[in-house]
């Protein structure tokens, strides 16, 4: 896919080792990976948008062809406005496929020039989800195996009260 710039959209609340794995692997395939952090206030994120951006930049800062940027609105509109030819979506399990397939089909209807590409994380990350990490962290559990140390510290600080 040389010459292709890809968008990896999500809320990344919090960014997990599974997200990191997909970002690093995508960076080997594509010329540029734009990690697009959705504003998504209706999802009531644990971290505000600026914190999510900051954590992602720290976690993937060593990857030269990865850029982290916020966005609001339709994913395909952001992709089109930024000249991104593909949208990257992660599939952890078969159960993810139906939703992701519907999303890819809708995006194709909205912008048929933008492709959707699916990647699966390494097997040892397939069970990790942001929602499970949030739940474990909120109950005082150890999330060190699921997130980067900088994210772990941010979660500890968030749930310390």
N, C-alpha and C. Protein backbone atom coordinates (compact mmCIF):
# COMPACT_ATOMS: atom_id res chain seq x y z
N UNK A 1 0.83 -1.19 0.00
CA UNK A 1 0.00 0.00 0.00
C UNK A 1 0.87 1.25 0.00
N UNK A 2 1.99 1.17 -0.59
CA UNK A 2 2.90 2.30 -0.62
C UNK A 2 2.20 3.54 -1.18
N UNK A 3 2.47 4.67 -0.58
CA UNK A 3 1.87 5.92 -1.01
C UNK A 3 0.53 6.20 -0.35
N UNK A 4 0.08 5.28 0.48
CA UNK A 4 -1.22 5.42 1.10
C UNK A 4 -1.09 5.97 2.51
N UNK A 5 -1.97 6.88 2.80
CA UNK A 5 -2.10 7.43 4.15
C UNK A 5 -3.39 6.88 4.72
N UNK A 6 -3.32 6.40 5.95
CA UNK A 6 -4.48 5.76 6.56
C UNK A 6 -4.89 6.48 7.83
N UNK A 7 -6.16 6.44 8.10
CA UNK A 7 -6.73 7.00 9.32
C UNK A 7 -7.11 5.85 10.25
N UNK A 8 -6.71 5.93 11.50
CA UNK A 8 -7.13 4.96 12.51
C UNK A 8 -7.98 5.72 13.52
N UNK A 9 -9.32 5.69 13.35
CA UNK A 9 -10.19 6.47 14.22
C UNK A 9 -10.59 5.71 15.49
N UNK A 10 -10.89 6.47 16.53
CA UNK A 10 -11.40 5.88 17.75
C UNK A 10 -11.47 6.90 18.86
N UNK A 11 -12.00 6.47 19.99
CA UNK A 11 -12.03 7.37 21.15
C UNK A 11 -10.77 7.18 21.99
N UNK A 12 -10.18 5.98 21.96
CA UNK A 12 -8.93 5.69 22.67
C UNK A 12 -9.04 6.12 24.14
N UNK A 13 -10.07 5.61 24.78
CA UNK A 13 -10.35 6.00 26.17
C UNK A 13 -10.43 4.79 27.06
N UNK A 14 -9.31 4.28 27.52
CA UNK A 14 -7.94 4.71 27.28
C UNK A 14 -7.31 3.94 26.11
N UNK A 15 -6.17 4.44 25.66
CA UNK A 15 -5.41 3.73 24.63
C UNK A 15 -4.82 2.48 25.28
N UNK A 16 -5.00 1.34 24.62
CA UNK A 16 -4.54 0.05 25.16
C UNK A 16 -3.33 -0.46 24.39
N UNK A 17 -2.76 -1.53 24.90
CA UNK A 17 -1.65 -2.17 24.18
C UNK A 17 -2.13 -2.75 22.85
N UNK A 18 -3.39 -3.12 22.76
CA UNK A 18 -3.95 -3.57 21.49
C UNK A 18 -3.97 -2.45 20.46
N UNK A 19 -4.36 -1.24 20.88
CA UNK A 19 -4.32 -0.08 19.99
C UNK A 19 -2.88 0.17 19.54
N UNK A 20 -1.95 0.14 20.51
CA UNK A 20 -0.54 0.37 20.19
C UNK A 20 -0.05 -0.62 19.15
N UNK A 21 -0.41 -1.86 19.33
CA UNK A 21 0.00 -2.92 18.41
C UNK A 21 -0.49 -2.61 16.99
N UNK A 22 -1.77 -2.26 16.86
CA UNK A 22 -2.31 -1.95 15.54
C UNK A 22 -1.65 -0.72 14.93
N UNK A 23 -1.41 0.29 15.72
CA UNK A 23 -0.77 1.52 15.22
C UNK A 23 0.64 1.22 14.70
N UNK A 24 1.41 0.49 15.48
CA UNK A 24 2.79 0.17 15.06
C UNK A 24 2.81 -0.72 13.82
N UNK A 25 1.91 -1.68 13.75
CA UNK A 25 1.86 -2.55 12.58
C UNK A 25 1.39 -1.78 11.35
N UNK A 26 0.42 -0.90 11.52
CA UNK A 26 -0.05 -0.08 10.40
C UNK A 26 1.07 0.84 9.92
N UNK A 27 1.88 1.33 10.83
CA UNK A 27 2.98 2.22 10.46
C UNK A 27 4.01 1.51 9.58
N UNK A 28 4.08 0.19 9.66
CA UNK A 28 4.99 -0.58 8.78
C UNK A 28 4.38 -0.78 7.39
N UNK A 29 3.06 -0.70 7.30
CA UNK A 29 2.36 -0.96 6.04
C UNK A 29 2.12 0.32 5.24
N UNK A 30 1.73 1.39 5.94
CA UNK A 30 1.33 2.63 5.29
C UNK A 30 2.41 3.70 5.43
N UNK A 31 2.39 4.65 4.50
CA UNK A 31 3.35 5.75 4.56
C UNK A 31 3.10 6.66 5.76
N UNK A 32 1.83 6.86 6.08
CA UNK A 32 1.48 7.69 7.25
C UNK A 32 0.23 7.12 7.90
N UNK A 33 0.23 7.12 9.22
CA UNK A 33 -0.94 6.70 10.00
C UNK A 33 -1.39 7.91 10.81
N UNK A 34 -2.62 8.34 10.56
CA UNK A 34 -3.20 9.42 11.34
C UNK A 34 -4.13 8.79 12.37
N UNK A 35 -3.72 8.83 13.61
CA UNK A 35 -4.56 8.32 14.69
C UNK A 35 -5.52 9.46 15.02
N UNK A 36 -6.76 9.27 14.62
CA UNK A 36 -7.78 10.31 14.73
C UNK A 36 -8.64 10.06 15.97
N UNK A 37 -8.53 10.94 16.93
CA UNK A 37 -9.22 10.79 18.21
C UNK A 37 -10.55 11.52 18.14
N UNK A 38 -11.62 10.73 18.24
CA UNK A 38 -12.96 11.29 18.15
C UNK A 38 -13.31 12.04 19.43
N UNK A 39 -13.94 13.19 19.26
CA UNK A 39 -14.37 14.00 20.40
C UNK A 39 -15.36 13.21 21.25
N UNK A 40 -16.42 12.70 20.67
CA UNK A 40 -17.41 11.79 21.25
C UNK A 40 -17.85 12.09 22.69
N UNK A 41 -18.37 13.28 22.97
CA UNK A 41 -18.80 13.57 24.35
C UNK A 41 -19.99 12.71 24.79
N UNK A 42 -20.79 12.21 23.86
CA UNK A 42 -21.94 11.39 24.24
C UNK A 42 -21.54 10.06 24.84
N UNK A 43 -20.30 9.63 24.60
CA UNK A 43 -19.81 8.37 25.18
C UNK A 43 -19.32 8.55 26.61
N UNK A 44 -19.31 9.77 27.10
CA UNK A 44 -18.85 10.08 28.45
C UNK A 44 -17.48 9.47 28.74
N UNK A 45 -16.46 9.92 28.03
CA UNK A 45 -15.13 9.33 28.21
C UNK A 45 -14.56 9.60 29.61
N UNK A 46 -13.69 8.70 30.05
CA UNK A 46 -12.99 8.84 31.32
C UNK A 46 -12.04 10.03 31.26
N UNK A 47 -11.35 10.16 30.14
CA UNK A 47 -10.39 11.25 29.95
C UNK A 47 -10.94 12.26 28.95
N UNK A 48 -10.67 13.53 29.19
CA UNK A 48 -11.09 14.54 28.22
C UNK A 48 -10.24 14.40 26.96
N UNK A 49 -10.66 15.08 25.92
CA UNK A 49 -10.02 14.96 24.62
C UNK A 49 -8.53 15.29 24.67
N UNK A 50 -8.17 16.37 25.34
CA UNK A 50 -6.76 16.77 25.40
C UNK A 50 -5.90 15.72 26.10
N UNK A 51 -6.43 15.11 27.14
CA UNK A 51 -5.69 14.06 27.86
C UNK A 51 -5.51 12.84 26.96
N UNK A 52 -6.56 12.45 26.24
CA UNK A 52 -6.44 11.31 25.33
C UNK A 52 -5.40 11.57 24.25
N UNK A 53 -5.40 12.79 23.70
CA UNK A 53 -4.41 13.15 22.68
C UNK A 53 -3.00 13.08 23.27
N UNK A 54 -2.83 13.64 24.45
CA UNK A 54 -1.53 13.66 25.12
C UNK A 54 -1.03 12.24 25.40
N UNK A 55 -1.90 11.38 25.92
CA UNK A 55 -1.50 10.01 26.22
C UNK A 55 -1.11 9.26 24.95
N UNK A 56 -1.88 9.43 23.89
CA UNK A 56 -1.55 8.77 22.62
C UNK A 56 -0.22 9.25 22.08
N UNK A 57 0.01 10.55 22.14
CA UNK A 57 1.29 11.09 21.63
C UNK A 57 2.47 10.53 22.41
N UNK A 58 2.30 10.36 23.71
CA UNK A 58 3.38 9.78 24.52
C UNK A 58 3.58 8.31 24.19
N UNK A 59 2.51 7.58 23.99
CA UNK A 59 2.58 6.14 23.76
C UNK A 59 3.16 5.81 22.38
N UNK A 60 2.84 6.59 21.35
CA UNK A 60 3.33 6.28 20.00
C UNK A 60 4.32 7.33 19.48
N UNK A 61 4.83 8.14 20.37
CA UNK A 61 5.74 9.22 19.99
C UNK A 61 6.99 8.78 19.26
N UNK A 62 7.44 7.57 19.47
CA UNK A 62 8.65 7.10 18.81
C UNK A 62 8.46 6.60 17.40
N UNK A 63 7.23 6.60 16.92
CA UNK A 63 6.96 6.11 15.57
C UNK A 63 6.85 7.32 14.64
N UNK A 64 7.83 7.47 13.76
CA UNK A 64 7.97 8.70 12.99
C UNK A 64 6.84 8.99 12.01
N UNK A 65 6.19 7.97 11.50
CA UNK A 65 5.15 8.22 10.49
C UNK A 65 3.73 8.14 11.08
N UNK A 66 3.63 8.38 12.38
CA UNK A 66 2.33 8.40 13.05
C UNK A 66 2.06 9.82 13.55
N UNK A 67 0.86 10.29 13.24
CA UNK A 67 0.42 11.61 13.70
C UNK A 67 -0.88 11.42 14.47
N UNK A 68 -1.02 12.13 15.58
CA UNK A 68 -2.21 12.05 16.41
C UNK A 68 -2.96 13.37 16.27
N UNK A 69 -4.26 13.27 15.98
CA UNK A 69 -5.05 14.48 15.74
C UNK A 69 -6.49 14.25 16.20
N UNK A 70 -7.11 15.28 16.73
CA UNK A 70 -8.51 15.21 17.14
C UNK A 70 -9.42 15.46 15.94
N UNK A 71 -10.63 14.92 16.04
CA UNK A 71 -11.63 15.23 15.02
C UNK A 71 -13.03 15.13 15.61
N UNK A 72 -13.94 15.76 14.92
CA UNK A 72 -15.35 15.74 15.31
C UNK A 72 -16.14 15.57 14.02
N UNK A 73 -17.24 14.89 14.08
CA UNK A 73 -18.06 14.70 12.89
C UNK A 73 -17.84 13.35 12.26
N UNK A 74 -18.23 13.25 11.00
CA UNK A 74 -18.13 11.98 10.28
C UNK A 74 -16.68 11.61 9.99
N UNK A 75 -16.36 10.36 10.21
CA UNK A 75 -15.02 9.85 9.96
C UNK A 75 -14.63 10.04 8.50
N UNK A 76 -15.55 9.74 7.58
CA UNK A 76 -15.21 9.87 6.15
C UNK A 76 -14.98 11.33 5.77
N UNK A 77 -15.66 12.26 6.41
CA UNK A 77 -15.42 13.68 6.13
C UNK A 77 -14.02 14.08 6.56
N UNK A 78 -13.59 13.60 7.73
CA UNK A 78 -12.23 13.88 8.19
C UNK A 78 -11.21 13.26 7.23
N UNK A 79 -11.45 12.01 6.84
CA UNK A 79 -10.52 11.33 5.93
C UNK A 79 -10.41 12.09 4.61
N UNK A 80 -11.55 12.45 4.05
CA UNK A 80 -11.57 13.17 2.77
C UNK A 80 -10.86 14.52 2.89
N UNK A 81 -11.15 15.27 3.94
CA UNK A 81 -10.56 16.60 4.13
C UNK A 81 -9.05 16.55 4.33
N UNK A 82 -8.55 15.41 4.81
CA UNK A 82 -7.12 15.28 5.08
C UNK A 82 -6.39 14.41 4.06
N UNK A 83 -7.06 14.08 2.96
CA UNK A 83 -6.42 13.32 1.90
C UNK A 83 -6.02 11.91 2.30
N UNK A 84 -6.81 11.30 3.17
CA UNK A 84 -6.51 9.95 3.65
C UNK A 84 -7.28 8.94 2.81
N UNK A 85 -6.59 8.00 2.22
CA UNK A 85 -7.21 7.07 1.28
C UNK A 85 -7.83 5.84 1.90
N UNK A 86 -7.59 5.63 3.20
CA UNK A 86 -8.11 4.42 3.84
C UNK A 86 -8.41 4.69 5.31
N UNK A 87 -9.33 3.89 5.82
CA UNK A 87 -9.68 3.91 7.24
C UNK A 87 -9.31 2.54 7.79
N UNK A 88 -8.52 2.53 8.83
CA UNK A 88 -8.10 1.30 9.48
C UNK A 88 -9.05 0.98 10.62
N UNK A 89 -9.49 -0.26 10.67
CA UNK A 89 -10.35 -0.73 11.76
C UNK A 89 -9.75 -2.01 12.33
N UNK A 90 -9.81 -2.14 13.63
CA UNK A 90 -9.29 -3.32 14.29
C UNK A 90 -10.39 -4.33 14.55
N UNK A 91 -10.07 -5.59 14.36
CA UNK A 91 -10.99 -6.69 14.66
C UNK A 91 -10.34 -7.57 15.72
N UNK A 92 -10.92 -7.60 16.91
CA UNK A 92 -10.38 -8.43 17.97
C UNK A 92 -10.97 -9.84 17.93
N UNK A 93 -12.24 -9.93 17.58
CA UNK A 93 -12.93 -11.23 17.60
C UNK A 93 -13.99 -11.23 16.51
N UNK A 94 -14.52 -12.40 16.24
CA UNK A 94 -15.58 -12.54 15.24
C UNK A 94 -16.76 -11.64 15.59
N UNK A 95 -17.02 -11.46 16.89
CA UNK A 95 -18.14 -10.64 17.32
C UNK A 95 -18.00 -9.18 16.88
N UNK A 96 -16.78 -8.71 16.65
CA UNK A 96 -16.57 -7.34 16.16
C UNK A 96 -16.95 -7.19 14.69
N UNK A 97 -16.91 -8.30 13.95
CA UNK A 97 -17.03 -8.21 12.50
C UNK A 97 -18.35 -7.62 12.02
N UNK A 98 -19.46 -8.03 12.58
CA UNK A 98 -20.75 -7.56 12.09
C UNK A 98 -20.87 -6.04 12.17
N UNK A 99 -20.52 -5.47 13.32
CA UNK A 99 -20.57 -4.02 13.47
C UNK A 99 -19.59 -3.34 12.51
N UNK A 100 -18.37 -3.84 12.45
CA UNK A 100 -17.35 -3.24 11.59
C UNK A 100 -17.73 -3.35 10.12
N UNK A 101 -18.35 -4.45 9.73
CA UNK A 101 -18.81 -4.62 8.35
C UNK A 101 -19.89 -3.59 8.02
N UNK A 102 -20.85 -3.38 8.93
CA UNK A 102 -21.88 -2.38 8.72
C UNK A 102 -21.27 -0.99 8.61
N UNK A 103 -20.33 -0.69 9.48
CA UNK A 103 -19.66 0.61 9.45
C UNK A 103 -18.90 0.82 8.14
N UNK A 104 -18.17 -0.20 7.70
CA UNK A 104 -17.42 -0.10 6.45
C UNK A 104 -18.36 0.10 5.26
N UNK A 105 -19.48 -0.59 5.27
CA UNK A 105 -20.46 -0.47 4.18
C UNK A 105 -21.07 0.93 4.17
N UNK A 106 -21.41 1.45 5.34
CA UNK A 106 -21.96 2.81 5.42
C UNK A 106 -20.93 3.82 4.94
N UNK A 107 -19.68 3.67 5.38
CA UNK A 107 -18.63 4.60 4.95
C UNK A 107 -18.43 4.55 3.44
N UNK A 108 -18.53 3.36 2.85
CA UNK A 108 -18.39 3.23 1.40
C UNK A 108 -19.51 3.97 0.68
N UNK A 109 -20.71 3.92 1.24
CA UNK A 109 -21.84 4.65 0.66
C UNK A 109 -21.64 6.16 0.75
N UNK A 110 -21.02 6.60 1.83
CA UNK A 110 -20.78 8.04 2.03
C UNK A 110 -19.58 8.56 1.24
N UNK A 111 -18.57 7.70 1.06
CA UNK A 111 -17.34 8.12 0.37
C UNK A 111 -16.70 6.88 -0.26
N UNK A 112 -17.12 6.56 -1.47
CA UNK A 112 -16.66 5.30 -2.09
C UNK A 112 -15.18 5.29 -2.48
N UNK A 113 -14.53 6.44 -2.46
CA UNK A 113 -13.10 6.47 -2.80
C UNK A 113 -12.22 6.13 -1.60
N UNK A 114 -12.81 6.07 -0.42
CA UNK A 114 -12.04 5.77 0.79
C UNK A 114 -12.27 4.31 1.16
N UNK A 115 -11.19 3.55 1.21
CA UNK A 115 -11.26 2.12 1.52
C UNK A 115 -11.22 1.89 3.03
N UNK A 116 -11.77 0.77 3.44
CA UNK A 116 -11.64 0.33 4.84
C UNK A 116 -10.73 -0.89 4.85
N UNK A 117 -9.76 -0.87 5.75
CA UNK A 117 -8.79 -1.95 5.89
C UNK A 117 -8.91 -2.49 7.32
N UNK A 118 -8.97 -3.81 7.44
CA UNK A 118 -9.08 -4.44 8.76
C UNK A 118 -7.76 -5.08 9.14
N UNK A 119 -7.38 -4.90 10.39
CA UNK A 119 -6.21 -5.59 10.96
C UNK A 119 -6.64 -6.24 12.26
N UNK A 120 -6.03 -7.36 12.57
CA UNK A 120 -6.27 -7.98 13.86
C UNK A 120 -5.04 -7.76 14.73
N UNK A 121 -5.24 -7.55 16.02
CA UNK A 121 -4.08 -7.38 16.90
C UNK A 121 -3.38 -8.72 17.12
N UNK A 122 -2.20 -8.65 17.67
CA UNK A 122 -1.50 -9.88 18.08
C UNK A 122 -2.41 -10.65 19.03
N UNK A 123 -2.32 -11.96 18.98
CA UNK A 123 -3.23 -12.82 19.74
C UNK A 123 -3.30 -12.48 21.22
N UNK A 124 -2.18 -12.10 21.82
CA UNK A 124 -2.18 -11.82 23.25
C UNK A 124 -2.82 -10.48 23.61
N UNK A 125 -3.32 -9.75 22.59
CA UNK A 125 -4.04 -8.50 22.85
C UNK A 125 -5.52 -8.59 22.48
N UNK A 126 -5.97 -9.72 21.97
CA UNK A 126 -7.34 -9.80 21.44
C UNK A 126 -8.42 -9.64 22.50
N UNK A 127 -8.12 -9.93 23.73
CA UNK A 127 -9.13 -9.84 24.79
C UNK A 127 -9.20 -8.46 25.43
N UNK A 128 -8.29 -7.58 25.09
CA UNK A 128 -8.21 -6.26 25.72
C UNK A 128 -9.15 -5.28 25.02
N UNK A 129 -9.99 -4.64 25.81
CA UNK A 129 -10.83 -3.56 25.28
C UNK A 129 -10.74 -2.38 26.24
N UNK A 130 -10.93 -1.20 25.71
CA UNK A 130 -10.89 0.00 26.54
C UNK A 130 -11.92 -0.07 27.66
N UNK A 131 -13.11 -0.56 27.34
CA UNK A 131 -14.17 -0.61 28.36
C UNK A 131 -13.79 -1.55 29.51
N UNK A 132 -13.19 -2.70 29.20
CA UNK A 132 -12.75 -3.60 30.26
C UNK A 132 -11.62 -2.99 31.08
N UNK A 133 -10.70 -2.32 30.42
CA UNK A 133 -9.59 -1.67 31.14
C UNK A 133 -10.14 -0.59 32.06
N UNK A 134 -11.10 0.20 31.59
CA UNK A 134 -11.72 1.23 32.44
C UNK A 134 -12.36 0.60 33.66
N UNK A 135 -13.08 -0.50 33.45
CA UNK A 135 -13.77 -1.15 34.56
C UNK A 135 -12.78 -1.69 35.59
N UNK A 136 -11.75 -2.39 35.14
CA UNK A 136 -10.75 -2.93 36.05
C UNK A 136 -10.07 -1.79 36.82
N UNK A 137 -9.68 -0.74 36.11
CA UNK A 137 -9.02 0.40 36.75
C UNK A 137 -9.93 1.08 37.76
N UNK A 138 -11.20 1.23 37.42
CA UNK A 138 -12.14 1.91 38.33
C UNK A 138 -12.37 1.12 39.62
N UNK A 139 -12.12 -0.18 39.57
CA UNK A 139 -12.29 -1.04 40.75
C UNK A 139 -10.96 -1.29 41.47
N UNK A 140 -9.93 -0.56 41.04
CA UNK A 140 -8.63 -0.65 41.71
C UNK A 140 -7.77 -1.82 41.27
N UNK A 141 -8.13 -2.46 40.16
CA UNK A 141 -7.36 -3.60 39.67
C UNK A 141 -6.09 -3.19 38.94
N UNK A 142 -5.22 -4.14 38.74
CA UNK A 142 -3.94 -3.94 38.06
C UNK A 142 -4.14 -3.98 36.54
N UNK A 143 -3.89 -2.86 35.87
CA UNK A 143 -4.05 -2.79 34.41
C UNK A 143 -2.70 -2.72 33.69
N UNK A 144 -1.63 -2.98 34.41
CA UNK A 144 -0.29 -2.82 33.84
C UNK A 144 -0.02 -3.72 32.63
N UNK A 145 -0.71 -4.83 32.53
CA UNK A 145 -0.51 -5.72 31.38
C UNK A 145 -1.29 -5.26 30.15
N UNK A 146 -2.21 -4.34 30.34
CA UNK A 146 -3.13 -3.95 29.27
C UNK A 146 -2.83 -2.59 28.65
N UNK A 147 -2.07 -1.75 29.38
CA UNK A 147 -1.80 -0.39 28.91
C UNK A 147 -0.34 -0.02 29.18
N UNK A 148 0.13 0.97 28.47
CA UNK A 148 1.46 1.53 28.67
C UNK A 148 1.54 2.13 30.08
N UNK A 149 2.73 2.14 30.69
CA UNK A 149 2.86 2.71 32.04
C UNK A 149 2.33 4.15 32.18
N UNK A 150 2.48 4.96 31.15
CA UNK A 150 1.98 6.34 31.23
C UNK A 150 0.45 6.36 31.32
N UNK A 151 -0.19 5.44 30.63
CA UNK A 151 -1.65 5.33 30.69
C UNK A 151 -2.07 4.75 32.03
N UNK A 152 -1.32 3.78 32.51
CA UNK A 152 -1.61 3.20 33.82
C UNK A 152 -1.60 4.28 34.90
N UNK A 153 -0.58 5.13 34.87
CA UNK A 153 -0.50 6.20 35.87
C UNK A 153 -1.66 7.17 35.76
N UNK A 154 -2.05 7.49 34.54
CA UNK A 154 -3.18 8.41 34.34
C UNK A 154 -4.47 7.79 34.87
N UNK A 155 -4.64 6.48 34.66
CA UNK A 155 -5.84 5.81 35.18
C UNK A 155 -5.83 5.77 36.71
N UNK A 156 -4.68 5.50 37.29
CA UNK A 156 -4.57 5.49 38.77
C UNK A 156 -4.92 6.86 39.32
N UNK A 157 -4.41 7.91 38.69
CA UNK A 157 -4.71 9.27 39.15
C UNK A 157 -6.18 9.59 38.99
N UNK A 158 -6.77 9.16 37.91
CA UNK A 158 -8.19 9.44 37.64
C UNK A 158 -9.09 8.76 38.65
N UNK A 159 -8.76 7.54 39.04
CA UNK A 159 -9.62 6.79 39.95
C UNK A 159 -9.15 6.83 41.41
N UNK A 160 -8.17 7.68 41.72
CA UNK A 160 -7.64 7.76 43.08
C UNK A 160 -8.65 8.32 44.08
N UNK A 161 -9.59 9.12 43.60
CA UNK A 161 -10.52 9.76 44.53
C UNK A 161 -11.69 8.90 44.92
